[in-house]
Amino acid sequence: ISAHRLAGSVAREGALGTIASIDLRHHHADLVDA
């Protein structure tokens, strides 16, 4: 739910944005296929 787009957008505004580490493979089609 909080991956690079959300965390990076928050940080760009000057705040602390957080990526949740667990099971991020679901955002990457090649990793899902593997």
PDB file of all heavy atoms in Angstrom:
ATOM      1  N   ILE A   1       0.829  -1.206   0.000  1.00  0.00           N
ATOM      2  CA  ILE A   1       0.000   0.000   0.000  1.00  0.00           C
ATOM      3  C   ILE A   1       0.863   1.255   0.000  1.00  0.00           C
ATOM      4  O   ILE A   1       0.541   2.245  -0.665  1.00  0.00           O
ATOM      5  CB  ILE A   1      -0.951   0.003   1.226  1.00  0.00           C
ATOM      6  CG1 ILE A   1      -1.749  -1.308   1.285  1.00  0.00           C
ATOM      7  CG2 ILE A   1      -1.873   1.205   1.186  1.00  0.00           C
ATOM      8  CD1 ILE A   1      -2.509  -1.632   0.021  1.00  0.00           C
ATOM      9  N   SER A   2       1.948   1.231   0.749  1.00  0.00           N
ATOM     10  CA  SER A   2       2.898   2.349   0.691  1.00  0.00           C
ATOM     11  C   SER A   2       4.206   1.837   0.101  1.00  0.00           C
ATOM     12  O   SER A   2       5.037   1.253   0.791  1.00  0.00           O
ATOM     13  CB  SER A   2       3.112   2.973   2.080  1.00  0.00           C
ATOM     14  OG  SER A   2       3.627   2.047   3.003  1.00  0.00           O
ATOM     15  N   ALA A   3       4.329   2.050  -1.194  1.00  0.00           N
ATOM     16  CA  ALA A   3       5.540   1.663  -1.921  1.00  0.00           C
ATOM     17  C   ALA A   3       6.218   2.939  -2.424  1.00  0.00           C
ATOM     18  O   ALA A   3       6.079   4.004  -1.815  1.00  0.00           O
ATOM     19  CB  ALA A   3       5.193   0.702  -3.050  1.00  0.00           C
ATOM     20  N   HIS A   4       6.935   2.855  -3.536  1.00  0.00           N
ATOM     21  CA  HIS A   4       7.787   3.992  -3.914  1.00  0.00           C
ATOM     22  C   HIS A   4       7.013   5.241  -4.291  1.00  0.00           C
ATOM     23  O   HIS A   4       7.452   6.364  -4.006  1.00  0.00           O
ATOM     24  CB  HIS A   4       8.717   3.586  -5.061  1.00  0.00           C
ATOM     25  CG  HIS A   4       8.108   3.659  -6.426  1.00  0.00           C
ATOM     26  ND1 HIS A   4       7.436   2.598  -7.008  1.00  0.00           N
ATOM     27  CD2 HIS A   4       8.050   4.674  -7.330  1.00  0.00           C
ATOM     28  CE1 HIS A   4       7.013   2.947  -8.205  1.00  0.00           C
ATOM     29  NE2 HIS A   4       7.353   4.195  -8.417  1.00  0.00           N
ATOM     30  N   ARG A   5       5.852   5.090  -4.925  1.00  0.00           N
ATOM     31  CA  ARG A   5       5.140   6.276  -5.409  1.00  0.00           C
ATOM     32  C   ARG A   5       4.641   7.130  -4.253  1.00  0.00           C
ATOM     33  O   ARG A   5       4.792   8.360  -4.258  1.00  0.00           O
ATOM     34  CB  ARG A   5       3.973   5.867  -6.315  1.00  0.00           C
ATOM     35  CG  ARG A   5       3.308   7.054  -6.990  1.00  0.00           C
ATOM     36  CD  ARG A   5       2.333   6.613  -8.051  1.00  0.00           C
ATOM     37  NE  ARG A   5       1.214   5.849  -7.492  1.00  0.00           N
ATOM     38  CZ  ARG A   5       0.146   5.483  -8.183  1.00  0.00           C
ATOM     39  NH1 ARG A   5       0.079   5.773  -9.485  1.00  0.00           N
ATOM     40  NH2 ARG A   5      -0.826   4.797  -7.616  1.00  0.00           N
ATOM     41  N   LEU A   6       4.046   6.495  -3.246  1.00  0.00           N
ATOM     42  CA  LEU A   6       3.551   7.247  -2.096  1.00  0.00           C
ATOM     43  C   LEU A   6       4.708   7.793  -1.268  1.00  0.00           C
ATOM     44  O   LEU A   6       4.757   8.989  -0.962  1.00  0.00           O
ATOM     45  CB  LEU A   6       2.653   6.366  -1.233  1.00  0.00           C
ATOM     46  CG  LEU A   6       2.095   7.022   0.034  1.00  0.00           C
ATOM     47  CD1 LEU A   6       1.341   8.301  -0.295  1.00  0.00           C
ATOM     48  CD2 LEU A   6       1.205   6.046   0.800  1.00  0.00           C
ATOM     49  N   ALA A   7       5.649   6.934  -0.893  1.00  0.00           N
ATOM     50  CA  ALA A   7       6.753   7.380  -0.042  1.00  0.00           C
ATOM     51  C   ALA A   7       7.583   8.461  -0.719  1.00  0.00           C
ATOM     52  O   ALA A   7       7.967   9.459  -0.089  1.00  0.00           O
ATOM     53  CB  ALA A   7       7.636   6.189   0.333  1.00  0.00           C
ATOM     54  N   GLY A   8       7.864   8.289  -2.007  1.00  0.00           N
ATOM     55  CA  GLY A   8       8.649   9.289  -2.726  1.00  0.00           C
ATOM     56  C   GLY A   8       7.928  10.612  -2.858  1.00  0.00           C
ATOM     57  O   GLY A   8       8.541  11.684  -2.770  1.00  0.00           O
ATOM     58  N   SER A   9       6.598  10.561  -3.059  1.00  0.00           N
ATOM     59  CA  SER A   9       5.814  11.791  -3.183  1.00  0.00           C
ATOM     60  C   SER A   9       5.776  12.553  -1.868  1.00  0.00           C
ATOM     61  O   SER A   9       5.846  13.790  -1.841  1.00  0.00           O
ATOM     62  CB  SER A   9       4.387  11.458  -3.638  1.00  0.00           C
ATOM     63  OG  SER A   9       4.397  10.847  -4.925  1.00  0.00           O
ATOM     64  N   VAL A  10       5.644  11.830  -0.758  1.00  0.00           N
ATOM     65  CA  VAL A  10       5.653  12.466   0.563  1.00  0.00           C
ATOM     66  C   VAL A  10       7.012  13.105   0.832  1.00  0.00           C
ATOM     67  O   VAL A  10       7.101  14.257   1.285  1.00  0.00           O
ATOM     68  CB  VAL A  10       5.301  11.438   1.655  1.00  0.00           C
ATOM     69  CG1 VAL A  10       5.513  12.036   3.049  1.00  0.00           C
ATOM     70  CG2 VAL A  10       3.862  10.961   1.496  1.00  0.00           C
ATOM     71  N   ALA A  11       8.077  12.378   0.550  1.00  0.00           N
ATOM     72  CA  ALA A  11       9.417  12.915   0.776  1.00  0.00           C
ATOM     73  C   ALA A  11       9.676  14.147  -0.089  1.00  0.00           C
ATOM     74  O   ALA A  11      10.314  15.111   0.366  1.00  0.00           O
ATOM     75  CB  ALA A  11      10.462  11.835   0.497  1.00  0.00           C
ATOM     76  N   ARG A  12       9.179  14.140  -1.311  1.00  0.00           N
ATOM     77  CA  ARG A  12       9.393  15.279  -2.207  1.00  0.00           C
ATOM     78  C   ARG A  12       8.795  16.569  -1.643  1.00  0.00           C
ATOM     79  O   ARG A  12       9.274  17.668  -1.918  1.00  0.00           O
ATOM     80  CB  ARG A  12       8.791  14.980  -3.583  1.00  0.00           C
ATOM     81  CG  ARG A  12       9.128  16.021  -4.653  1.00  0.00           C
ATOM     82  CD  ARG A  12       8.662  15.549  -6.008  1.00  0.00           C
ATOM     83  NE  ARG A  12       7.236  15.234  -5.996  1.00  0.00           N
ATOM     84  CZ  ARG A  12       6.636  14.464  -6.902  1.00  0.00           C
ATOM     85  NH1 ARG A  12       7.346  13.912  -7.877  1.00  0.00           N
ATOM     86  NH2 ARG A  12       5.339  14.243  -6.832  1.00  0.00           N
ATOM     87  N   GLU A  13       7.754  16.441  -0.821  1.00  0.00           N
ATOM     88  CA  GLU A  13       7.154  17.619  -0.188  1.00  0.00           C
ATOM     89  C   GLU A  13       7.917  18.062   1.057  1.00  0.00           C
ATOM     90  O   GLU A  13       7.575  19.069   1.679  1.00  0.00           O
ATOM     91  CB  GLU A  13       5.696  17.329   0.184  1.00  0.00           C
ATOM     92  CG  GLU A  13       4.793  17.011  -0.988  1.00  0.00           C
ATOM     93  CD  GLU A  13       4.615  18.182  -1.943  1.00  0.00           C
ATOM     94  OE1 GLU A  13       4.940  19.326  -1.559  1.00  0.00           O
ATOM     95  OE2 GLU A  13       4.163  17.954  -3.084  1.00  0.00           O
ATOM     96  N   GLY A  14       8.951  17.292   1.438  1.00  0.00           N
ATOM     97  CA  GLY A  14       9.756  17.667   2.590  1.00  0.00           C
ATOM     98  C   GLY A  14       9.405  16.933   3.868  1.00  0.00           C
ATOM     99  O   GLY A  14       9.807  17.348   4.958  1.00  0.00           O
ATOM    100  N   ALA A  15       8.684  15.826   3.753  1.00  0.00           N
ATOM    101  CA  ALA A  15       8.290  15.040   4.918  1.00  0.00           C
ATOM    102  C   ALA A  15       8.971  13.674   4.879  1.00  0.00           C
ATOM    103  O   ALA A  15       9.758  13.379   3.980  1.00  0.00           O
ATOM    104  CB  ALA A  15       6.771  14.892   4.965  1.00  0.00           C
ATOM    105  N   LEU A  16       8.661  12.830   5.868  1.00  0.00           N
ATOM    106  CA  LEU A  16       9.190  11.469   5.904  1.00  0.00           C
ATOM    107  C   LEU A  16       8.158  10.525   5.294  1.00  0.00           C
ATOM    108  O   LEU A  16       7.053  10.384   5.811  1.00  0.00           O
ATOM    109  CB  LEU A  16       9.523  11.058   7.341  1.00  0.00           C
ATOM    110  CG  LEU A  16      10.287   9.743   7.525  1.00  0.00           C
ATOM    111  CD1 LEU A  16      11.131   9.792   8.797  1.00  0.00           C
ATOM    112  CD2 LEU A  16       9.347   8.548   7.608  1.00  0.00           C
ATOM    113  N   GLY A  17       8.519   9.913   4.169  1.00  0.00           N
ATOM    114  CA  GLY A  17       7.668   8.932   3.512  1.00  0.00           C
ATOM    115  C   GLY A  17       8.183   7.534   3.794  1.00  0.00           C
ATOM    116  O   GLY A  17       9.400   7.311   3.859  1.00  0.00           O
ATOM    117  N   THR A  18       7.273   6.586   3.952  1.00  0.00           N
ATOM    118  CA  THR A  18       7.656   5.254   4.405  1.00  0.00           C
ATOM    119  C   THR A  18       7.198   4.164   3.447  1.00  0.00           C
ATOM    120  O   THR A  18       6.018   4.085   3.097  1.00  0.00           O
ATOM    121  CB  THR A  18       7.057   4.967   5.799  1.00  0.00           C
ATOM    122  OG1 THR A  18       7.391   6.030   6.689  1.00  0.00           O
ATOM    123  CG2 THR A  18       7.586   3.662   6.359  1.00  0.00           C
ATOM    124  N   ILE A  19       8.133   3.320   3.033  1.00  0.00           N
ATOM    125  CA  ILE A  19       7.847   2.121   2.249  1.00  0.00           C
ATOM    126  C   ILE A  19       7.637   0.960   3.217  1.00  0.00           C
ATOM    127  O   ILE A  19       8.473   0.731   4.094  1.00  0.00           O
ATOM    128  CB  ILE A  19       9.017   1.798   1.300  1.00  0.00           C
ATOM    129  CG1 ILE A  19       9.210   2.917   0.277  1.00  0.00           C
ATOM    130  CG2 ILE A  19       8.797   0.456   0.598  1.00  0.00           C
ATOM    131  CD1 ILE A  19      10.487   2.778  -0.541  1.00  0.00           C
ATOM    132  N   ALA A  20       6.526   0.248   3.089  1.00  0.00           N
ATOM    133  CA  ALA A  20       6.316  -0.975   3.871  1.00  0.00           C
ATOM    134  C   ALA A  20       7.053  -2.108   3.171  1.00  0.00           C
ATOM    135  O   ALA A  20       6.803  -2.403   2.002  1.00  0.00           O
ATOM    136  CB  ALA A  20       4.832  -1.282   3.996  1.00  0.00           C
ATOM    137  N   SER A  21       7.956  -2.770   3.875  1.00  0.00           N
ATOM    138  CA  SER A  21       8.896  -3.694   3.236  1.00  0.00           C
ATOM    139  C   SER A  21       8.274  -5.011   2.789  1.00  0.00           C
ATOM    140  O   SER A  21       8.762  -5.642   1.848  1.00  0.00           O
ATOM    141  CB  SER A  21      10.049  -3.990   4.192  1.00  0.00           C
ATOM    142  OG  SER A  21       9.573  -4.577   5.399  1.00  0.00           O
ATOM    143  N   ILE A  22       7.201  -5.440   3.415  1.00  0.00           N
ATOM    144  CA  ILE A  22       6.729  -6.800   3.239  1.00  0.00           C
ATOM    145  C   ILE A  22       6.083  -7.031   1.869  1.00  0.00           C
ATOM    146  O   ILE A  22       5.246  -6.254   1.413  1.00  0.00           O
ATOM    147  CB  ILE A  22       5.731  -7.171   4.376  1.00  0.00           C
ATOM    148  CG1 ILE A  22       5.330  -8.629   4.311  1.00  0.00           C
ATOM    149  CG2 ILE A  22       4.532  -6.253   4.372  1.00  0.00           C
ATOM    150  CD1 ILE A  22       6.412  -9.577   4.712  1.00  0.00           C
ATOM    151  N   ASP A  23       6.517  -8.074   1.181  1.00  0.00           N
ATOM    152  CA  ASP A  23       5.867  -8.621  -0.022  1.00  0.00           C
ATOM    153  C   ASP A  23       5.670  -7.612  -1.147  1.00  0.00           C
ATOM    154  O   ASP A  23       4.620  -7.583  -1.804  1.00  0.00           O
ATOM    155  CB  ASP A  23       4.521  -9.246   0.348  1.00  0.00           C
ATOM    156  CG  ASP A  23       4.683 -10.512   1.169  1.00  0.00           C
ATOM    157  OD1 ASP A  23       5.836 -10.923   1.396  1.00  0.00           O
ATOM    158  OD2 ASP A  23       3.668 -11.083   1.587  1.00  0.00           O
ATOM    159  N   LEU A  24       6.692  -6.827  -1.413  1.00  0.00           N
ATOM    160  CA  LEU A  24       6.598  -5.833  -2.482  1.00  0.00           C
ATOM    161  C   LEU A  24       6.682  -6.445  -3.870  1.00  0.00           C
ATOM    162  O   LEU A  24       6.502  -5.750  -4.871  1.00  0.00           O
ATOM    163  CB  LEU A  24       7.697  -4.785  -2.297  1.00  0.00           C
ATOM    164  CG  LEU A  24       7.452  -3.790  -1.147  1.00  0.00           C
ATOM    165  CD1 LEU A  24       8.747  -3.056  -0.795  1.00  0.00           C
ATOM    166  CD2 LEU A  24       6.359  -2.798  -1.514  1.00  0.00           C
ATOM    167  N   ARG A  25       6.930  -7.739  -3.950  1.00  0.00           N
ATOM    168  CA  ARG A  25       6.983  -8.392  -5.264  1.00  0.00           C
ATOM    169  C   ARG A  25       5.699  -8.194  -6.045  1.00  0.00           C
ATOM    170  O   ARG A  25       5.709  -8.242  -7.290  1.00  0.00           O
ATOM    171  CB  ARG A  25       7.255  -9.889  -5.102  1.00  0.00           C
ATOM    172  CG  ARG A  25       6.094 -10.684  -4.510  1.00  0.00           C
ATOM    173  CD  ARG A  25       6.450 -12.150  -4.295  1.00  0.00           C
ATOM    174  NE  ARG A  25       5.298 -12.944  -3.879  1.00  0.00           N
ATOM    175  CZ  ARG A  25       4.835 -13.031  -2.645  1.00  0.00           C
ATOM    176  NH1 ARG A  25       5.434 -12.338  -1.678  1.00  0.00           N
ATOM    177  NH2 ARG A  25       3.785 -13.772  -2.350  1.00  0.00           N
ATOM    178  N   HIS A  26       4.576  -7.986  -5.366  1.00  0.00           N
ATOM    179  CA  HIS A  26       3.286  -7.857  -6.035  1.00  0.00           C
ATOM    180  C   HIS A  26       3.233  -6.638  -6.961  1.00  0.00           C
ATOM    181  O   HIS A  26       2.352  -6.556  -7.819  1.00  0.00           O
ATOM    182  CB  HIS A  26       2.160  -7.772  -5.007  1.00  0.00           C
ATOM    183  CG  HIS A  26       2.018  -9.015  -4.189  1.00  0.00           C
ATOM    184  ND1 HIS A  26       1.550 -10.199  -4.713  1.00  0.00           N
ATOM    185  CD2 HIS A  26       2.298  -9.262  -2.881  1.00  0.00           C
ATOM    186  CE1 HIS A  26       1.525 -11.132  -3.757  1.00  0.00           C
ATOM    187  NE2 HIS A  26       1.979 -10.586  -2.646  1.00  0.00           N
ATOM    188  N   HIS A  27       4.181  -5.709  -6.823  1.00  0.00           N
ATOM    189  CA  HIS A  27       4.231  -4.533  -7.699  1.00  0.00           C
ATOM    190  C   HIS A  27       5.092  -4.757  -8.941  1.00  0.00           C
ATOM    191  O   HIS A  27       5.214  -3.840  -9.763  1.00  0.00           O
ATOM    192  CB  HIS A  27       4.786  -3.328  -6.933  1.00  0.00           C
ATOM    193  CG  HIS A  27       3.775  -2.647  -6.062  1.00  0.00           C
ATOM    194  ND1 HIS A  27       2.599  -2.116  -6.549  1.00  0.00           N
ATOM    195  CD2 HIS A  27       3.766  -2.408  -4.721  1.00  0.00           C
ATOM    196  CE1 HIS A  27       1.906  -1.571  -5.561  1.00  0.00           C
ATOM    197  NE2 HIS A  27       2.590  -1.750  -4.444  1.00  0.00           N
ATOM    198  N   HIS A  28       5.682  -5.933  -9.089  1.00  0.00           N
ATOM    199  CA  HIS A  28       6.641  -6.158 -10.172  1.00  0.00           C
ATOM    200  C   HIS A  28       6.259  -7.414 -10.944  1.00  0.00           C
ATOM    201  O   HIS A  28       6.434  -8.539 -10.445  1.00  0.00           O
ATOM    202  CB  HIS A  28       8.055  -6.263  -9.599  1.00  0.00           C
ATOM    203  CG  HIS A  28       8.482  -5.024  -8.861  1.00  0.00           C
ATOM    204  ND1 HIS A  28       9.175  -4.006  -9.465  1.00  0.00           N
ATOM    205  CD2 HIS A  28       8.250  -4.617  -7.576  1.00  0.00           C
ATOM    206  CE1 HIS A  28       9.382  -3.038  -8.582  1.00  0.00           C
ATOM    207  NE2 HIS A  28       8.829  -3.389  -7.432  1.00  0.00           N
ATOM    208  N   ALA A  29       5.774  -7.230 -12.160  1.00  0.00           N
ATOM    209  CA  ALA A  29       5.241  -8.344 -12.948  1.00  0.00           C
ATOM    210  C   ALA A  29       6.282  -9.428 -13.186  1.00  0.00           C
ATOM    211  O   ALA A  29       5.961 -10.628 -13.149  1.00  0.00           O
ATOM    212  CB  ALA A  29       4.705  -7.819 -14.282  1.00  0.00           C
ATOM    213  N   ASP A  30       7.541  -9.041 -13.427  1.00  0.00           N
ATOM    214  CA  ASP A  30       8.565 -10.056 -13.687  1.00  0.00           C
ATOM    215  C   ASP A  30       8.820 -10.912 -12.453  1.00  0.00           C
ATOM    216  O   ASP A  30       9.052 -12.129 -12.570  1.00  0.00           O
ATOM    217  CB  ASP A  30       9.860  -9.406 -14.179  1.00  0.00           C
ATOM    218  CG  ASP A  30      10.475  -8.468 -13.148  1.00  0.00           C
ATOM    219  OD1 ASP A  30       9.723  -7.778 -12.435  1.00  0.00           O
ATOM    220  OD2 ASP A  30      11.727  -8.415 -13.058  1.00  0.00           O
ATOM    221  N   LEU A  31       8.756 -10.313 -11.277  1.00  0.00           N
ATOM    222  CA  LEU A  31       8.969 -11.073 -10.044  1.00  0.00           C
ATOM    223  C   LEU A  31       7.773 -11.968  -9.740  1.00  0.00           C
ATOM    224  O   LEU A  31       7.940 -13.095  -9.265  1.00  0.00           O
ATOM    225  CB  LEU A  31       9.234 -10.115  -8.882  1.00  0.00           C
ATOM    226  CG  LEU A  31      10.478  -9.231  -9.021  1.00  0.00           C
ATOM    227  CD1 LEU A  31      10.610  -8.299  -7.825  1.00  0.00           C
ATOM    228  CD2 LEU A  31      11.745 -10.078  -9.176  1.00  0.00           C
ATOM    229  N   VAL A  32       6.571 -11.475 -10.021  1.00  0.00           N
ATOM    230  CA  VAL A  32       5.376 -12.304  -9.847  1.00  0.00           C
ATOM    231  C   VAL A  32       5.451 -13.523 -10.767  1.00  0.00           C
ATOM    232  O   VAL A  32       5.154 -14.655 -10.352  1.00  0.00           O
ATOM    233  CB  VAL A  32       4.100 -11.483 -10.130  1.00  0.00           C
ATOM    234  CG1 VAL A  32       2.874 -12.389 -10.171  1.00  0.00           C
ATOM    235  CG2 VAL A  32       3.922 -10.401  -9.067  1.00  0.00           C
ATOM    236  N   ASP A  33       5.871 -13.294 -12.024  1.00  0.00           N
ATOM    237  CA  ASP A  33       5.995 -14.414 -12.976  1.00  0.00           C
ATOM    238  C   ASP A  33       7.039 -15.423 -12.495  1.00  0.00           C
ATOM    239  O   ASP A  33       6.830 -16.648 -12.597  1.00  0.00           O
ATOM    240  CB  ASP A  33       6.384 -13.885 -14.356  1.00  0.00           C
ATOM    241  CG  ASP A  33       5.251 -13.128 -15.036  1.00  0.00           C
ATOM    242  OD1 ASP A  33       4.089 -13.285 -14.600  1.00  0.00           O
ATOM    243  OD2 ASP A  33       5.527 -12.385 -15.994  1.00  0.00           O
ATOM    244  N   ALA A  34       8.156 -14.921 -11.982  1.00  0.00           N
ATOM    245  CA  ALA A  34       9.211 -15.821 -11.499  1.00  0.00           C
ATOM    246  C   ALA A  34       8.716 -16.666 -10.325  1.00  0.00           C
ATOM    247  O   ALA A  34       9.032 -17.862 -10.229  1.00  0.00           O
ATOM    248  CB  ALA A  34      10.438 -15.010 -11.089  1.00  0.00           C
TER     249      ALA A  34
END
